[in-house]
Amino acid sequence: MTRVLYPGSFDPIHYGHLEIIETISGLFDEVVVAAMRNPQKGEGMFSLDEREQIIKECCAHLPNVSVAMFSNLVVNLARDLDADFIVKGLRAVSDFENELQMAQMNHALAGVQTVFIPSASKRSFVASKLIREVVRLGGDVSSMVPAPVRERLVGRLEQER
């Protein structure tokens, strides 16, 4: 049985993320989607608890997908979960440079390999940061996020007003 870890901030999860999750759920026996608070990305829109619930709702149709939250090194979580691989999605060549460096560091630290999955070109521009920005400025991102995300984004926007 092959277990993989798909880590990210997922703030919020979007169709690009779901595309990767659906792809890897068909390739591997078990997928653990792990959301974290990334201090490099600033203050999150959703708390970790909210993200966990949203991810569970968005992945409910995938029986081999579970959700975890973490706040330390990805390799520590991979080790704790006995994950065979870390999976990272790639949108563009610029993603590859950063992700390759992290993959090499993770391998040096814990011997865990990283598998890269490219996103489809129609989703390569979608990024959580852009979704948050568009929503805060009143734009419509309904074609980029699943319904549970859209509902919470609208609710969050109404709270901020």
N, C-alpha and C. Protein backbone atom coordinates (compact mmCIF):
# COMPACT_ATOMS: atom_id res chain seq x y z
N MET A 1 0.85 -1.18 0.00
CA MET A 1 0.00 0.00 0.00
C MET A 1 0.90 1.24 0.00
N THR A 2 0.62 2.16 -0.91
CA THR A 2 1.43 3.37 -1.03
C THR A 2 0.66 4.57 -0.49
N ARG A 3 1.27 5.24 0.49
CA ARG A 3 0.67 6.44 1.10
C ARG A 3 1.51 7.64 0.70
N VAL A 4 0.81 8.69 0.24
CA VAL A 4 1.52 9.92 -0.12
C VAL A 4 0.97 11.09 0.69
N LEU A 5 1.83 12.07 0.85
CA LEU A 5 1.50 13.28 1.58
C LEU A 5 1.49 14.44 0.60
N TYR A 6 0.38 15.17 0.56
CA TYR A 6 0.25 16.35 -0.29
C TYR A 6 0.12 17.57 0.63
N PRO A 7 1.25 18.24 0.93
CA PRO A 7 1.21 19.37 1.86
C PRO A 7 1.01 20.71 1.14
N GLY A 8 0.46 21.66 1.86
CA GLY A 8 0.31 23.01 1.32
C GLY A 8 -0.43 23.88 2.30
N SER A 9 -0.57 25.15 1.97
CA SER A 9 -1.34 26.03 2.85
C SER A 9 -2.84 25.89 2.58
N PHE A 10 -3.23 25.67 1.34
CA PHE A 10 -4.64 25.47 0.98
C PHE A 10 -5.53 26.55 1.59
N ASP A 11 -5.15 27.79 1.39
CA ASP A 11 -5.85 28.93 2.00
C ASP A 11 -6.31 29.93 0.93
N PRO A 12 -7.36 29.60 0.20
CA PRO A 12 -8.20 28.41 0.28
C PRO A 12 -7.80 27.36 -0.76
N ILE A 13 -8.36 26.17 -0.58
CA ILE A 13 -8.21 25.12 -1.58
C ILE A 13 -8.98 25.56 -2.83
N HIS A 14 -8.44 25.26 -4.00
CA HIS A 14 -9.09 25.66 -5.26
C HIS A 14 -9.06 24.49 -6.24
N TYR A 15 -9.66 24.70 -7.42
CA TYR A 15 -9.75 23.62 -8.39
C TYR A 15 -8.39 23.11 -8.86
N GLY A 16 -7.37 23.93 -8.85
CA GLY A 16 -6.02 23.46 -9.19
C GLY A 16 -5.54 22.43 -8.18
N HIS A 17 -5.77 22.71 -6.88
CA HIS A 17 -5.42 21.75 -5.83
C HIS A 17 -6.23 20.46 -6.00
N LEU A 18 -7.53 20.63 -6.23
CA LEU A 18 -8.39 19.45 -6.36
C LEU A 18 -8.01 18.59 -7.55
N GLU A 19 -7.57 19.22 -8.61
CA GLU A 19 -7.10 18.47 -9.78
C GLU A 19 -5.93 17.57 -9.39
N ILE A 20 -5.00 18.11 -8.64
CA ILE A 20 -3.84 17.33 -8.19
C ILE A 20 -4.30 16.21 -7.24
N ILE A 21 -5.17 16.53 -6.30
CA ILE A 21 -5.66 15.53 -5.35
C ILE A 21 -6.38 14.40 -6.08
N GLU A 22 -7.23 14.74 -7.02
CA GLU A 22 -7.96 13.70 -7.77
C GLU A 22 -6.99 12.85 -8.59
N THR A 23 -5.97 13.47 -9.16
CA THR A 23 -4.98 12.72 -9.93
C THR A 23 -4.23 11.74 -9.04
N ILE A 24 -3.73 12.23 -7.91
CA ILE A 24 -2.93 11.35 -7.06
C ILE A 24 -3.78 10.30 -6.35
N SER A 25 -5.06 10.61 -6.13
CA SER A 25 -5.92 9.60 -5.50
C SER A 25 -6.14 8.42 -6.43
N GLY A 26 -5.99 8.64 -7.74
CA GLY A 26 -6.07 7.55 -8.70
C GLY A 26 -4.76 6.83 -8.90
N LEU A 27 -3.66 7.44 -8.51
CA LEU A 27 -2.33 6.84 -8.69
C LEU A 27 -1.84 6.09 -7.45
N PHE A 28 -2.27 6.53 -6.27
CA PHE A 28 -1.76 5.97 -5.03
C PHE A 28 -2.90 5.43 -4.18
N ASP A 29 -2.57 4.50 -3.29
CA ASP A 29 -3.59 3.87 -2.45
C ASP A 29 -4.20 4.82 -1.43
N GLU A 30 -3.35 5.65 -0.83
CA GLU A 30 -3.82 6.54 0.22
C GLU A 30 -3.17 7.91 0.05
N VAL A 31 -3.98 8.95 0.18
CA VAL A 31 -3.52 10.34 0.05
C VAL A 31 -3.86 11.07 1.33
N VAL A 32 -2.86 11.72 1.91
CA VAL A 32 -3.09 12.58 3.07
C VAL A 32 -2.83 14.01 2.62
N VAL A 33 -3.89 14.82 2.64
CA VAL A 33 -3.77 16.24 2.32
C VAL A 33 -3.50 16.95 3.63
N ALA A 34 -2.39 17.67 3.70
CA ALA A 34 -1.99 18.29 4.97
C ALA A 34 -1.88 19.80 4.80
N ALA A 35 -2.70 20.50 5.54
CA ALA A 35 -2.68 21.97 5.50
C ALA A 35 -1.84 22.50 6.64
N MET A 36 -1.14 23.58 6.34
CA MET A 36 -0.28 24.21 7.34
C MET A 36 -0.44 25.72 7.27
N ARG A 37 -0.05 26.36 8.31
CA ARG A 37 0.05 27.81 8.30
C ARG A 37 1.47 28.12 7.85
N ASN A 38 1.56 28.83 6.73
CA ASN A 38 2.88 29.17 6.18
C ASN A 38 3.21 30.61 6.54
N PRO A 39 4.13 30.85 7.48
CA PRO A 39 4.46 32.21 7.89
C PRO A 39 5.00 33.06 6.75
N GLN A 40 5.56 32.43 5.72
CA GLN A 40 6.08 33.18 4.57
C GLN A 40 4.95 33.77 3.73
N LYS A 41 3.74 33.26 3.89
CA LYS A 41 2.62 33.72 3.08
C LYS A 41 1.73 34.71 3.82
N GLY A 42 2.15 35.14 5.00
CA GLY A 42 1.37 36.14 5.74
C GLY A 42 0.19 35.51 6.46
N GLU A 43 -0.67 36.37 6.95
CA GLU A 43 -1.84 35.93 7.71
C GLU A 43 -2.83 35.24 6.79
N GLY A 44 -3.30 34.10 7.20
CA GLY A 44 -4.24 33.33 6.39
C GLY A 44 -5.65 33.90 6.44
N MET A 45 -6.42 33.57 5.42
CA MET A 45 -7.82 33.98 5.39
C MET A 45 -8.65 33.07 6.28
N PHE A 46 -8.31 31.77 6.26
CA PHE A 46 -9.05 30.79 7.05
C PHE A 46 -8.13 30.16 8.09
N SER A 47 -8.71 29.85 9.23
CA SER A 47 -7.94 29.16 10.28
C SER A 47 -7.65 27.73 9.81
N LEU A 48 -6.73 27.07 10.49
CA LEU A 48 -6.43 25.67 10.16
C LEU A 48 -7.66 24.78 10.33
N ASP A 49 -8.45 25.03 11.38
CA ASP A 49 -9.66 24.24 11.59
C ASP A 49 -10.65 24.44 10.44
N GLU A 50 -10.79 25.69 9.99
CA GLU A 50 -11.68 25.95 8.85
C GLU A 50 -11.17 25.26 7.58
N ARG A 51 -9.87 25.35 7.35
CA ARG A 51 -9.29 24.70 6.17
C ARG A 51 -9.48 23.20 6.21
N GLU A 52 -9.30 22.61 7.38
CA GLU A 52 -9.50 21.17 7.51
C GLU A 52 -10.93 20.79 7.10
N GLN A 53 -11.91 21.51 7.61
CA GLN A 53 -13.30 21.22 7.29
C GLN A 53 -13.59 21.43 5.81
N ILE A 54 -13.08 22.51 5.24
CA ILE A 54 -13.30 22.79 3.81
C ILE A 54 -12.69 21.69 2.95
N ILE A 55 -11.46 21.29 3.26
CA ILE A 55 -10.79 20.25 2.48
C ILE A 55 -11.57 18.94 2.57
N LYS A 56 -12.04 18.60 3.76
CA LYS A 56 -12.83 17.37 3.92
C LYS A 56 -14.09 17.43 3.05
N GLU A 57 -14.76 18.56 3.04
CA GLU A 57 -15.97 18.71 2.23
C GLU A 57 -15.65 18.59 0.74
N CYS A 58 -14.57 19.21 0.32
CA CYS A 58 -14.20 19.22 -1.10
C CYS A 58 -13.69 17.86 -1.58
N CYS A 59 -13.19 17.04 -0.67
CA CYS A 59 -12.63 15.73 -1.03
C CYS A 59 -13.53 14.57 -0.62
N ALA A 60 -14.74 14.86 -0.20
CA ALA A 60 -15.65 13.82 0.29
C ALA A 60 -15.91 12.73 -0.75
N HIS A 61 -15.78 13.06 -2.02
CA HIS A 61 -16.03 12.08 -3.09
C HIS A 61 -14.84 11.14 -3.33
N LEU A 62 -13.76 11.34 -2.59
CA LEU A 62 -12.54 10.54 -2.77
C LEU A 62 -12.29 9.72 -1.50
N PRO A 63 -12.69 8.44 -1.49
CA PRO A 63 -12.62 7.65 -0.26
C PRO A 63 -11.21 7.38 0.26
N ASN A 64 -10.20 7.51 -0.58
CA ASN A 64 -8.83 7.22 -0.12
C ASN A 64 -8.06 8.48 0.28
N VAL A 65 -8.79 9.59 0.46
CA VAL A 65 -8.16 10.86 0.86
C VAL A 65 -8.55 11.20 2.29
N SER A 66 -7.53 11.51 3.09
CA SER A 66 -7.76 12.00 4.46
C SER A 66 -7.06 13.34 4.61
N VAL A 67 -7.35 14.01 5.72
CA VAL A 67 -6.84 15.36 5.94
C VAL A 67 -6.10 15.42 7.27
N ALA A 68 -4.98 16.14 7.27
CA ALA A 68 -4.20 16.36 8.49
C ALA A 68 -3.78 17.82 8.54
N MET A 69 -3.53 18.31 9.71
CA MET A 69 -3.01 19.66 9.90
C MET A 69 -1.62 19.52 10.53
N PHE A 70 -0.74 20.47 10.21
CA PHE A 70 0.59 20.41 10.81
C PHE A 70 1.20 21.79 10.91
N SER A 71 2.21 21.89 11.78
CA SER A 71 2.84 23.20 11.99
C SER A 71 4.36 23.09 12.11
N ASN A 72 4.91 21.94 11.70
CA ASN A 72 6.37 21.82 11.74
C ASN A 72 6.88 21.39 10.37
N LEU A 73 8.02 20.76 10.31
CA LEU A 73 8.60 20.36 9.03
C LEU A 73 7.75 19.30 8.34
N VAL A 74 7.63 19.44 7.03
CA VAL A 74 6.87 18.47 6.23
C VAL A 74 7.47 17.07 6.40
N VAL A 75 8.78 16.98 6.43
CA VAL A 75 9.41 15.66 6.55
C VAL A 75 9.07 14.99 7.88
N ASN A 76 8.88 15.78 8.93
CA ASN A 76 8.47 15.19 10.21
C ASN A 76 7.08 14.57 10.09
N LEU A 77 6.16 15.29 9.43
CA LEU A 77 4.83 14.75 9.22
C LEU A 77 4.88 13.52 8.33
N ALA A 78 5.68 13.58 7.27
CA ALA A 78 5.81 12.43 6.37
C ALA A 78 6.30 11.21 7.14
N ARG A 79 7.25 11.42 8.01
CA ARG A 79 7.78 10.32 8.84
C ARG A 79 6.71 9.80 9.80
N ASP A 80 6.00 10.74 10.46
CA ASP A 80 4.95 10.34 11.41
C ASP A 80 3.84 9.54 10.72
N LEU A 81 3.53 9.91 9.49
CA LEU A 81 2.46 9.24 8.74
C LEU A 81 2.96 7.99 8.00
N ASP A 82 4.26 7.78 8.04
CA ASP A 82 4.87 6.69 7.27
C ASP A 82 4.54 6.83 5.78
N ALA A 83 4.63 8.06 5.29
CA ALA A 83 4.34 8.35 3.88
C ALA A 83 5.48 7.86 3.00
N ASP A 84 5.12 7.29 1.87
CA ASP A 84 6.13 6.80 0.93
C ASP A 84 6.71 7.93 0.09
N PHE A 85 5.89 8.94 -0.19
CA PHE A 85 6.31 10.08 -1.01
C PHE A 85 5.61 11.34 -0.54
N ILE A 86 6.25 12.46 -0.82
CA ILE A 86 5.61 13.77 -0.75
C ILE A 86 5.24 14.12 -2.18
N VAL A 87 4.04 14.67 -2.37
CA VAL A 87 3.60 15.07 -3.71
C VAL A 87 3.50 16.59 -3.74
N LYS A 88 4.01 17.17 -4.80
CA LYS A 88 3.90 18.62 -5.00
C LYS A 88 3.37 18.88 -6.40
N GLY A 89 2.45 19.80 -6.50
CA GLY A 89 1.91 20.20 -7.80
C GLY A 89 2.75 21.31 -8.38
N LEU A 90 2.87 21.31 -9.69
CA LEU A 90 3.64 22.34 -10.40
C LEU A 90 2.74 23.06 -11.38
N ARG A 91 2.73 24.41 -11.29
CA ARG A 91 1.95 25.21 -12.23
C ARG A 91 2.81 25.74 -13.36
N ALA A 92 4.05 26.08 -13.04
CA ALA A 92 4.93 26.72 -14.02
C ALA A 92 6.37 26.35 -13.72
N VAL A 93 7.25 26.68 -14.65
CA VAL A 93 8.68 26.40 -14.48
C VAL A 93 9.20 27.07 -13.21
N SER A 94 8.71 28.24 -12.90
CA SER A 94 9.17 28.95 -11.70
C SER A 94 8.85 28.15 -10.44
N ASP A 95 7.74 27.42 -10.42
CA ASP A 95 7.42 26.56 -9.27
C ASP A 95 8.47 25.46 -9.12
N PHE A 96 8.91 24.92 -10.25
CA PHE A 96 9.84 23.79 -10.23
C PHE A 96 11.14 24.14 -9.52
N GLU A 97 11.68 25.31 -9.77
CA GLU A 97 12.95 25.69 -9.16
C GLU A 97 12.87 25.66 -7.64
N ASN A 98 11.83 26.25 -7.09
CA ASN A 98 11.65 26.29 -5.64
C ASN A 98 11.32 24.90 -5.09
N GLU A 99 10.42 24.20 -5.75
CA GLU A 99 10.01 22.88 -5.27
C GLU A 99 11.14 21.86 -5.35
N LEU A 100 11.98 21.95 -6.38
CA LEU A 100 13.12 21.04 -6.48
C LEU A 100 14.07 21.23 -5.32
N GLN A 101 14.34 22.47 -4.98
CA GLN A 101 15.23 22.76 -3.85
C GLN A 101 14.64 22.20 -2.56
N MET A 102 13.34 22.37 -2.35
CA MET A 102 12.71 21.82 -1.15
C MET A 102 12.74 20.30 -1.16
N ALA A 103 12.52 19.70 -2.33
CA ALA A 103 12.54 18.24 -2.45
C ALA A 103 13.92 17.70 -2.10
N GLN A 104 14.95 18.37 -2.56
CA GLN A 104 16.31 17.93 -2.26
C GLN A 104 16.62 18.08 -0.77
N MET A 105 16.15 19.16 -0.18
CA MET A 105 16.34 19.35 1.26
C MET A 105 15.59 18.28 2.05
N ASN A 106 14.34 17.99 1.66
CA ASN A 106 13.56 16.96 2.35
C ASN A 106 14.23 15.60 2.24
N HIS A 107 14.79 15.31 1.08
CA HIS A 107 15.48 14.03 0.91
C HIS A 107 16.74 13.98 1.78
N ALA A 108 17.47 15.08 1.83
CA ALA A 108 18.67 15.13 2.67
C ALA A 108 18.34 14.98 4.15
N LEU A 109 17.23 15.56 4.58
CA LEU A 109 16.84 15.51 5.99
C LEU A 109 16.27 14.17 6.41
N ALA A 110 15.45 13.57 5.52
CA ALA A 110 14.72 12.38 5.96
C ALA A 110 14.68 11.24 4.96
N GLY A 111 15.32 11.42 3.82
CA GLY A 111 15.33 10.34 2.83
C GLY A 111 14.03 10.15 2.08
N VAL A 112 13.09 11.06 2.26
CA VAL A 112 11.80 10.94 1.58
C VAL A 112 11.89 11.58 0.19
N GLN A 113 11.35 10.87 -0.79
CA GLN A 113 11.35 11.36 -2.16
C GLN A 113 10.11 12.21 -2.43
N THR A 114 10.22 13.13 -3.38
CA THR A 114 9.10 13.97 -3.79
C THR A 114 8.73 13.63 -5.21
N VAL A 115 7.43 13.53 -5.45
CA VAL A 115 6.88 13.30 -6.78
C VAL A 115 6.21 14.59 -7.23
N PHE A 116 6.54 15.04 -8.43
CA PHE A 116 5.95 16.27 -8.98
C PHE A 116 4.84 15.92 -9.96
N ILE A 117 3.70 16.59 -9.80
CA ILE A 117 2.55 16.40 -10.68
C ILE A 117 2.23 17.75 -11.31
N PRO A 118 2.28 17.83 -12.65
CA PRO A 118 1.96 19.11 -13.29
C PRO A 118 0.45 19.35 -13.31
N SER A 119 0.07 20.61 -13.16
CA SER A 119 -1.34 20.96 -13.28
C SER A 119 -1.68 21.10 -14.76
N ALA A 120 -2.95 20.98 -15.06
CA ALA A 120 -3.40 21.20 -16.44
C ALA A 120 -3.21 22.67 -16.78
N SER A 121 -2.93 22.96 -18.02
CA SER A 121 -2.65 24.35 -18.40
C SER A 121 -3.82 25.28 -18.11
N LYS A 122 -5.04 24.78 -18.15
CA LYS A 122 -6.19 25.66 -17.89
C LYS A 122 -6.29 26.08 -16.42
N ARG A 123 -5.55 25.42 -15.54
CA ARG A 123 -5.55 25.76 -14.12
C ARG A 123 -4.22 26.32 -13.64
N SER A 124 -3.27 26.47 -14.52
CA SER A 124 -1.92 26.84 -14.10
C SER A 124 -1.81 28.25 -13.52
N PHE A 125 -2.77 29.08 -13.77
CA PHE A 125 -2.71 30.45 -13.25
C PHE A 125 -3.37 30.59 -11.88
N VAL A 126 -4.12 29.59 -11.45
CA VAL A 126 -4.89 29.69 -10.21
C VAL A 126 -3.95 29.55 -9.01
N ALA A 127 -4.03 30.52 -8.11
CA ALA A 127 -3.24 30.50 -6.89
C ALA A 127 -4.10 31.05 -5.75
N SER A 128 -3.97 30.46 -4.59
CA SER A 128 -4.77 30.89 -3.43
C SER A 128 -4.59 32.37 -3.15
N LYS A 129 -3.37 32.86 -3.26
CA LYS A 129 -3.09 34.27 -3.00
C LYS A 129 -3.91 35.16 -3.94
N LEU A 130 -3.97 34.80 -5.20
CA LEU A 130 -4.75 35.59 -6.16
C LEU A 130 -6.24 35.50 -5.88
N ILE A 131 -6.70 34.32 -5.49
CA ILE A 131 -8.12 34.16 -5.16
C ILE A 131 -8.48 35.06 -3.98
N ARG A 132 -7.65 35.07 -2.94
CA ARG A 132 -7.92 35.94 -1.78
C ARG A 132 -7.96 37.41 -2.20
N GLU A 133 -7.03 37.81 -3.05
CA GLU A 133 -6.98 39.20 -3.48
C GLU A 133 -8.21 39.58 -4.31
N VAL A 134 -8.59 38.74 -5.23
CA VAL A 134 -9.76 39.02 -6.07
C VAL A 134 -11.02 39.12 -5.22
N VAL A 135 -11.17 38.19 -4.27
CA VAL A 135 -12.35 38.19 -3.40
C VAL A 135 -12.38 39.46 -2.55
N ARG A 136 -11.25 39.84 -1.99
CA ARG A 136 -11.21 41.05 -1.16
C ARG A 136 -11.56 42.31 -1.94
N LEU A 137 -11.32 42.27 -3.25
CA LEU A 137 -11.64 43.42 -4.10
C LEU A 137 -13.01 43.28 -4.78
N GLY A 138 -13.78 42.27 -4.35
CA GLY A 138 -15.15 42.12 -4.83
C GLY A 138 -15.32 41.32 -6.11
N GLY A 139 -14.30 40.64 -6.56
CA GLY A 139 -14.39 39.86 -7.79
C GLY A 139 -15.02 38.49 -7.57
N ASP A 140 -15.40 37.86 -8.68
CA ASP A 140 -16.05 36.56 -8.66
C ASP A 140 -15.04 35.46 -9.01
N VAL A 141 -14.82 34.54 -8.09
CA VAL A 141 -13.89 33.43 -8.31
C VAL A 141 -14.63 32.08 -8.34
N SER A 142 -15.93 32.11 -8.57
CA SER A 142 -16.73 30.89 -8.49
C SER A 142 -16.29 29.82 -9.50
N SER A 143 -15.66 30.21 -10.60
CA SER A 143 -15.18 29.22 -11.56
C SER A 143 -13.85 28.60 -11.14
N MET A 144 -13.26 29.10 -10.06
CA MET A 144 -11.93 28.64 -9.63
C MET A 144 -11.95 27.86 -8.33
N VAL A 145 -13.05 27.90 -7.61
CA VAL A 145 -13.13 27.24 -6.31
C VAL A 145 -14.42 26.43 -6.20
N PRO A 146 -14.38 25.33 -5.44
CA PRO A 146 -15.59 24.54 -5.21
C PRO A 146 -16.61 25.30 -4.36
N ALA A 147 -17.84 24.87 -4.40
CA ALA A 147 -18.93 25.54 -3.68
C ALA A 147 -18.65 25.77 -2.20
N PRO A 148 -18.12 24.78 -1.45
CA PRO A 148 -17.86 25.04 -0.02
C PRO A 148 -16.89 26.21 0.20
N VAL A 149 -15.95 26.38 -0.70
CA VAL A 149 -14.99 27.48 -0.59
C VAL A 149 -15.69 28.79 -0.93
N ARG A 150 -16.42 28.79 -2.03
CA ARG A 150 -17.11 30.00 -2.46
C ARG A 150 -18.03 30.52 -1.37
N GLU A 151 -18.80 29.62 -0.75
CA GLU A 151 -19.73 30.03 0.32
C GLU A 151 -18.99 30.69 1.48
N ARG A 152 -17.87 30.11 1.87
CA ARG A 152 -17.10 30.67 2.98
C ARG A 152 -16.41 31.98 2.59
N LEU A 153 -15.97 32.07 1.35
CA LEU A 153 -15.35 33.31 0.90
C LEU A 153 -16.37 34.45 0.93
N VAL A 154 -17.57 34.19 0.47
CA VAL A 154 -18.63 35.21 0.48
C VAL A 154 -18.94 35.59 1.93
N GLY A 155 -19.04 34.60 2.80
CA GLY A 155 -19.31 34.87 4.21
C GLY A 155 -18.20 35.69 4.85
N ARG A 156 -16.96 35.37 4.53
CA ARG A 156 -15.82 36.09 5.09
C ARG A 156 -15.81 37.53 4.59
N LEU A 157 -16.12 37.72 3.33
CA LEU A 157 -16.17 39.06 2.74
C LEU A 157 -17.24 39.91 3.42
N GLU A 158 -18.38 39.30 3.69
CA GLU A 158 -19.48 40.02 4.37
C GLU A 158 -19.07 40.40 5.79
N GLN A 159 -18.32 39.53 6.48
CA GLN A 159 -17.83 39.83 7.83
C GLN A 159 -16.86 41.00 7.83
N GLU A 160 -16.04 41.10 6.78
CA GLU A 160 -15.02 42.15 6.73
C GLU A 160 -15.61 43.51 6.40
N ARG A 161 -16.80 43.52 5.85
CA ARG A 161 -17.43 44.81 5.47
C ARG A 161 -18.06 45.49 6.61
